[in-house]
């Protein structure tokens, strides 16, 4: 799932040099959530909350 949204999207758009992975000099669009989405049950995943969101390396949302 994460490859589909990160690396494969960057590859499809031919933008691997600026997006698609977390590395110095690349654009940082990140979301921090309160559960490990790779290991929780579907019930817990449904209740996952966003803590903060970054777009272009800047925080654009922070939960209250």
PDB file of N, CA and C in Angstrom:
ATOM      1  N   UNK A   1       0.816  -1.175   0.000  1.00  0.00           N
ATOM      2  CA  UNK A   1       0.000   0.000   0.000  1.00  0.00           C
ATOM      3  C   UNK A   1       0.868   1.249   0.000  1.00  0.00           C
ATOM      4  N   UNK A   2       1.897   1.272   0.855  1.00  0.00           N
ATOM      5  CA  UNK A   2       2.721   2.467   0.929  1.00  0.00           C
ATOM      6  C   UNK A   2       3.549   2.667  -0.341  1.00  0.00           C
ATOM      7  N   UNK A   3       4.027   1.575  -0.924  1.00  0.00           N
ATOM      8  CA  UNK A   3       4.748   1.713  -2.205  1.00  0.00           C
ATOM      9  C   UNK A   3       3.834   2.274  -3.285  1.00  0.00           C
ATOM     10  N   UNK A   4       2.582   1.846  -3.280  1.00  0.00           N
ATOM     11  CA  UNK A   4       1.641   2.342  -4.289  1.00  0.00           C
ATOM     12  C   UNK A   4       1.455   3.845  -4.168  1.00  0.00           C
ATOM     13  N   UNK A   5       1.436   4.349  -2.956  1.00  0.00           N
ATOM     14  CA  UNK A   5       1.212   5.776  -2.754  1.00  0.00           C
ATOM     15  C   UNK A   5       2.491   6.594  -2.799  1.00  0.00           C
ATOM     16  N   UNK A   6       3.649   5.991  -2.558  1.00  0.00           N
ATOM     17  CA  UNK A   6       4.903   6.744  -2.533  1.00  0.00           C
ATOM     18  C   UNK A   6       5.738   6.475  -3.781  1.00  0.00           C
ATOM     19  N   UNK A   7       6.455   5.399  -3.755  1.00  0.00           N
ATOM     20  CA  UNK A   7       7.422   5.124  -4.823  1.00  0.00           C
ATOM     21  C   UNK A   7       6.783   4.914  -6.185  1.00  0.00           C
ATOM     22  N   UNK A   8       5.736   4.114  -6.239  1.00  0.00           N
ATOM     23  CA  UNK A   8       5.121   3.836  -7.537  1.00  0.00           C
ATOM     24  C   UNK A   8       4.469   5.074  -8.133  1.00  0.00           C
ATOM     25  N   UNK A   9       3.891   5.934  -7.292  1.00  0.00           N
ATOM     26  CA  UNK A   9       3.322   7.189  -7.790  1.00  0.00           C
ATOM     27  C   UNK A   9       4.412   8.093  -8.353  1.00  0.00           C
ATOM     28  N   UNK A  10       5.520   8.194  -7.642  1.00  0.00           N
ATOM     29  CA  UNK A  10       6.635   9.011  -8.119  1.00  0.00           C
ATOM     30  C   UNK A  10       7.172   8.470  -9.439  1.00  0.00           C
ATOM     31  N   UNK A  11       7.273   7.159  -9.538  1.00  0.00           N
ATOM     32  CA  UNK A  11       7.741   6.528 -10.766  1.00  0.00           C
ATOM     33  C   UNK A  11       6.777   6.802 -11.915  1.00  0.00           C
ATOM     34  N   UNK A  12       5.477   6.659 -11.663  1.00  0.00           N
ATOM     35  CA  UNK A  12       4.481   6.888 -12.704  1.00  0.00           C
ATOM     36  C   UNK A  12       4.497   8.329 -13.201  1.00  0.00           C
ATOM     37  N   UNK A  13       4.820   9.269 -12.308  1.00  0.00           N
ATOM     38  CA  UNK A  13       4.854  10.683 -12.682  1.00  0.00           C
ATOM     39  C   UNK A  13       6.254  11.139 -13.096  1.00  0.00           C
ATOM     40  N   UNK A  14       7.218  10.189 -13.110  1.00  0.00           N
ATOM     41  CA  UNK A  14       8.610  10.485 -13.438  1.00  0.00           C
ATOM     42  C   UNK A  14       9.166  11.608 -12.560  1.00  0.00           C
ATOM     43  N   UNK A  15       8.910  11.502 -11.241  1.00  0.00           N
ATOM     44  CA  UNK A  15       9.370  12.516 -10.288  1.00  0.00           C
ATOM     45  C   UNK A  15      10.155  11.897  -9.137  1.00  0.00           C
ATOM     46  N   UNK A  16      10.835  10.786  -9.395  1.00  0.00           N
ATOM     47  CA  UNK A  16      11.580  10.105  -8.343  1.00  0.00           C
ATOM     48  C   UNK A  16      12.657  10.975  -7.716  1.00  0.00           C
ATOM     49  N   UNK A  17      13.115  12.009  -8.434  1.00  0.00           N
ATOM     50  CA  UNK A  17      14.169  12.869  -7.893  1.00  0.00           C
ATOM     51  C   UNK A  17      13.643  13.859  -6.859  1.00  0.00           C
ATOM     52  N   UNK A  18      12.316  14.077  -6.793  1.00  0.00           N
ATOM     53  CA  UNK A  18      11.789  15.042  -5.821  1.00  0.00           C
ATOM     54  C   UNK A  18      10.761  14.455  -4.854  1.00  0.00           C
ATOM     55  N   UNK A  19      10.160  13.304  -5.191  1.00  0.00           N
ATOM     56  CA  UNK A  19       9.173  12.675  -4.304  1.00  0.00           C
ATOM     57  C   UNK A  19       9.364  11.159  -4.323  1.00  0.00           C
ATOM     58  N   UNK A  20       8.636  10.476  -3.449  1.00  0.00           N
ATOM     59  CA  UNK A  20       8.611   9.019  -3.493  1.00  0.00           C
ATOM     60  C   UNK A  20       9.376   8.324  -2.388  1.00  0.00           C
ATOM     61  N   UNK A  21      10.206   9.065  -1.668  1.00  0.00           N
ATOM     62  CA  UNK A  21      10.925   8.485  -0.535  1.00  0.00           C
ATOM     63  C   UNK A  21      11.318   9.607   0.412  1.00  0.00           C
ATOM     64  N   UNK A  22      11.696   9.237   1.613  1.00  0.00           N
ATOM     65  CA  UNK A  22      12.121  10.223   2.598  1.00  0.00           C
ATOM     66  C   UNK A  22      13.639  10.321   2.526  1.00  0.00           C
ATOM     67  N   UNK A  23      14.119  11.456   2.029  1.00  0.00           N
ATOM     68  CA  UNK A  23      15.549  11.671   1.857  1.00  0.00           C
ATOM     69  C   UNK A  23      15.834  13.168   1.822  1.00  0.00           C
ATOM     70  N   UNK A  24      17.050  13.581   2.189  1.00  0.00           N
ATOM     71  CA  UNK A  24      17.395  15.003   2.134  1.00  0.00           C
ATOM     72  C   UNK A  24      17.168  15.577   0.741  1.00  0.00           C
ATOM     73  N   UNK A  25      16.554  16.763   0.682  1.00  0.00           N
ATOM     74  CA  UNK A  25      16.321  17.449  -0.569  1.00  0.00           C
ATOM     75  C   UNK A  25      15.022  17.095  -1.269  1.00  0.00           C
ATOM     76  N   UNK A  26      14.315  16.094  -0.755  1.00  0.00           N
ATOM     77  CA  UNK A  26      13.039  15.719  -1.363  1.00  0.00           C
ATOM     78  C   UNK A  26      11.892  16.400  -0.614  1.00  0.00           C
ATOM     79  N   UNK A  27      10.776  16.572  -1.315  1.00  0.00           N
ATOM     80  CA  UNK A  27       9.603  17.164  -0.691  1.00  0.00           C
ATOM     81  C   UNK A  27       9.071  16.221   0.378  1.00  0.00           C
ATOM     82  N   UNK A  28       8.676  16.786   1.504  1.00  0.00           N
ATOM     83  CA  UNK A  28       8.207  15.966   2.615  1.00  0.00           C
ATOM     84  C   UNK A  28       6.718  16.153   2.831  1.00  0.00           C
ATOM     85  N   UNK A  29       5.929  15.226   2.380  1.00  0.00           N
ATOM     86  CA  UNK A  29       4.507  15.184   2.674  1.00  0.00           C
ATOM     87  C   UNK A  29       4.304  13.966   3.564  1.00  0.00           C
ATOM     88  N   UNK A  30       4.066  14.213   4.841  1.00  0.00           N
ATOM     89  CA  UNK A  30       3.983  13.135   5.823  1.00  0.00           C
ATOM     90  C   UNK A  30       2.739  13.281   6.683  1.00  0.00           C
ATOM     91  N   UNK A  31       2.280  12.160   7.215  1.00  0.00           N
ATOM     92  CA  UNK A  31       1.176  12.148   8.163  1.00  0.00           C
ATOM     93  C   UNK A  31       1.599  11.282   9.340  1.00  0.00           C
ATOM     94  N   UNK A  32       1.428  11.788  10.553  1.00  0.00           N
ATOM     95  CA  UNK A  32       1.695  11.012  11.758  1.00  0.00           C
ATOM     96  C   UNK A  32       0.352  10.617  12.357  1.00  0.00           C
ATOM     97  N   UNK A  33       0.179   9.320  12.592  1.00  0.00           N
ATOM     98  CA  UNK A  33      -1.063   8.813  13.162  1.00  0.00           C
ATOM     99  C   UNK A  33      -0.778   8.148  14.502  1.00  0.00           C
ATOM    100  N   UNK A  34      -1.821   7.910  15.279  1.00  0.00           N
ATOM    101  CA  UNK A  34      -1.643   7.405  16.638  1.00  0.00           C
ATOM    102  C   UNK A  34      -1.628   5.881  16.756  1.00  0.00           C
ATOM    103  N   UNK A  35      -1.670   5.175  15.647  1.00  0.00           N
ATOM    104  CA  UNK A  35      -1.570   3.709  15.645  1.00  0.00           C
ATOM    105  C   UNK A  35      -0.562   3.276  14.584  1.00  0.00           C
ATOM    106  N   UNK A  36       0.038   2.121  14.780  1.00  0.00           N
ATOM    107  CA  UNK A  36       0.891   1.533  13.749  1.00  0.00           C
ATOM    108  C   UNK A  36      -0.034   0.876  12.724  1.00  0.00           C
ATOM    109  N   UNK A  37      -0.259   1.540  11.611  1.00  0.00           N
ATOM    110  CA  UNK A  37      -1.243   1.074  10.631  1.00  0.00           C
ATOM    111  C   UNK A  37      -0.852  -0.233   9.949  1.00  0.00           C
ATOM    112  N   UNK A  38       0.373  -0.667  10.126  1.00  0.00           N
ATOM    113  CA  UNK A  38       0.811  -1.926   9.522  1.00  0.00           C
ATOM    114  C   UNK A  38       0.525  -3.136  10.413  1.00  0.00           C
ATOM    115  N   UNK A  39       0.205  -2.890  11.690  1.00  0.00           N
ATOM    116  CA  UNK A  39       0.049  -4.018  12.607  1.00  0.00           C
ATOM    117  C   UNK A  39      -1.286  -4.047  13.343  1.00  0.00           C
ATOM    118  N   UNK A  40      -2.076  -2.993  13.286  1.00  0.00           N
ATOM    119  CA  UNK A  40      -3.332  -2.980  14.051  1.00  0.00           C
ATOM    120  C   UNK A  40      -4.416  -3.782  13.353  1.00  0.00           C
ATOM    121  N   UNK A  41      -5.415  -4.154  14.120  1.00  0.00           N
ATOM    122  CA  UNK A  41      -6.572  -4.864  13.562  1.00  0.00           C
ATOM    123  C   UNK A  41      -7.427  -3.889  12.757  1.00  0.00           C
ATOM    124  N   UNK A  42      -8.284  -4.392  11.885  1.00  0.00           N
ATOM    125  CA  UNK A  42      -9.172  -3.497  11.129  1.00  0.00           C
ATOM    126  C   UNK A  42     -10.023  -2.605  12.036  1.00  0.00           C
ATOM    127  N   UNK A  43     -10.433  -3.133  13.181  1.00  0.00           N
ATOM    128  CA  UNK A  43     -11.233  -2.338  14.114  1.00  0.00           C
ATOM    129  C   UNK A  43     -10.421  -1.162  14.653  1.00  0.00           C
ATOM    130  N   UNK A  44      -9.157  -1.410  15.012  1.00  0.00           N
ATOM    131  CA  UNK A  44      -8.293  -0.340  15.514  1.00  0.00           C
ATOM    132  C   UNK A  44      -7.938   0.639  14.402  1.00  0.00           C
ATOM    133  N   UNK A  45      -7.744   0.149  13.203  1.00  0.00           N
ATOM    134  CA  UNK A  45      -7.415   1.012  12.071  1.00  0.00           C
ATOM    135  C   UNK A  45      -8.526   2.029  11.832  1.00  0.00           C
ATOM    136  N   UNK A  46      -9.754   1.589  11.986  1.00  0.00           N
ATOM    137  CA  UNK A  46     -10.907   2.467  11.799  1.00  0.00           C
ATOM    138  C   UNK A  46     -10.870   3.641  12.776  1.00  0.00           C
ATOM    139  N   UNK A  47     -10.307   3.430  13.961  1.00  0.00           N
ATOM    140  CA  UNK A  47     -10.259   4.465  14.992  1.00  0.00           C
ATOM    141  C   UNK A  47      -8.977   5.287  14.986  1.00  0.00           C
ATOM    142  N   UNK A  48      -8.111   5.061  14.007  1.00  0.00           N
ATOM    143  CA  UNK A  48      -6.843   5.780  13.928  1.00  0.00           C
ATOM    144  C   UNK A  48      -7.082   7.276  13.724  1.00  0.00           C
ATOM    145  N   UNK A  49      -6.356   8.086  14.478  1.00  0.00           N
ATOM    146  CA  UNK A  49      -6.474   9.548  14.404  1.00  0.00           C
ATOM    147  C   UNK A  49      -5.182  10.160  13.866  1.00  0.00           C
ATOM    148  N   UNK A  50      -5.325  11.216  13.077  1.00  0.00           N
ATOM    149  CA  UNK A  50      -4.173  11.959  12.569  1.00  0.00           C
ATOM    150  C   UNK A  50      -3.681  12.898  13.663  1.00  0.00           C
ATOM    151  N   UNK A  51      -2.386  12.859  13.944  1.00  0.00           N
ATOM    152  CA  UNK A  51      -1.787  13.739  14.949  1.00  0.00           C
ATOM    153  C   UNK A  51      -1.290  15.016  14.286  1.00  0.00           C
ATOM    154  N   UNK A  52      -0.541  14.880  13.193  1.00  0.00           N
ATOM    155  CA  UNK A  52      -0.119  16.043  12.409  1.00  0.00           C
ATOM    156  C   UNK A  52       0.132  15.660  10.971  1.00  0.00           C
ATOM    157  N   UNK A  53       0.111  16.673  10.111  1.00  0.00           N
ATOM    158  CA  UNK A  53       0.345  16.493   8.677  1.00  0.00           C
ATOM    159  C   UNK A  53       1.359  17.523   8.218  1.00  0.00           C
ATOM    160  N   UNK A  54       2.311  17.081   7.393  1.00  0.00           N
ATOM    161  CA  UNK A  54       3.291  17.983   6.787  1.00  0.00           C
ATOM    162  C   UNK A  54       3.109  17.947   5.277  1.00  0.00           C
ATOM    163  N   UNK A  55       3.220  19.113   4.665  1.00  0.00           N
ATOM    164  CA  UNK A  55       3.172  19.221   3.213  1.00  0.00           C
ATOM    165  C   UNK A  55       4.323  20.115   2.784  1.00  0.00           C
ATOM    166  N   UNK A  56       5.149  19.614   1.885  1.00  0.00           N
ATOM    167  CA  UNK A  56       6.295  20.389   1.435  1.00  0.00           C
ATOM    168  C   UNK A  56       7.267  20.707   2.550  1.00  0.00           C
ATOM    169  N   UNK A  57       7.319  19.852   3.579  1.00  0.00           N
ATOM    170  CA  UNK A  57       8.244  20.047   4.684  1.00  0.00           C
ATOM    171  C   UNK A  57       7.737  20.978   5.769  1.00  0.00           C
ATOM    172  N   UNK A  58       6.495  21.455   5.665  1.00  0.00           N
ATOM    173  CA  UNK A  58       5.932  22.365   6.668  1.00  0.00           C
ATOM    174  C   UNK A  58       4.684  21.732   7.284  1.00  0.00           C
ATOM    175  N   UNK A  59       4.526  21.882   8.601  1.00  0.00           N
ATOM    176  CA  UNK A  59       3.354  21.365   9.268  1.00  0.00           C
ATOM    177  C   UNK A  59       2.143  22.192   8.874  1.00  0.00           C
ATOM    178  N   UNK A  60       1.127  21.524   8.320  1.00  0.00           N
ATOM    179  CA  UNK A  60      -0.087  22.215   7.884  1.00  0.00           C
ATOM    180  C   UNK A  60      -1.307  21.845   8.738  1.00  0.00           C
ATOM    181  N   UNK A  61      -1.163  20.819   9.586  1.00  0.00           N
ATOM    182  CA  UNK A  61      -2.229  20.438  10.496  1.00  0.00           C
ATOM    183  C   UNK A  61      -1.626  19.844  11.746  1.00  0.00           C
ATOM    184  N   UNK A  62      -2.157  20.228  12.883  1.00  0.00           N
ATOM    185  CA  UNK A  62      -1.755  19.634  14.157  1.00  0.00           C
ATOM    186  C   UNK A  62      -3.014  19.466  14.987  1.00  0.00           C
ATOM    187  N   UNK A  63      -3.274  18.233  15.452  1.00  0.00           N
ATOM    188  CA  UNK A  63      -4.476  17.960  16.245  1.00  0.00           C
ATOM    189  C   UNK A  63      -4.440  18.747  17.541  1.00  0.00           C
ATOM    190  N   UNK A  64      -5.630  19.087  18.003  1.00  0.00           N
ATOM    191  CA  UNK A  64      -5.723  19.840  19.257  1.00  0.00           C
ATOM    192  C   UNK A  64      -5.678  18.917  20.443  1.00  0.00           C
TER     193      UNK A  64
END
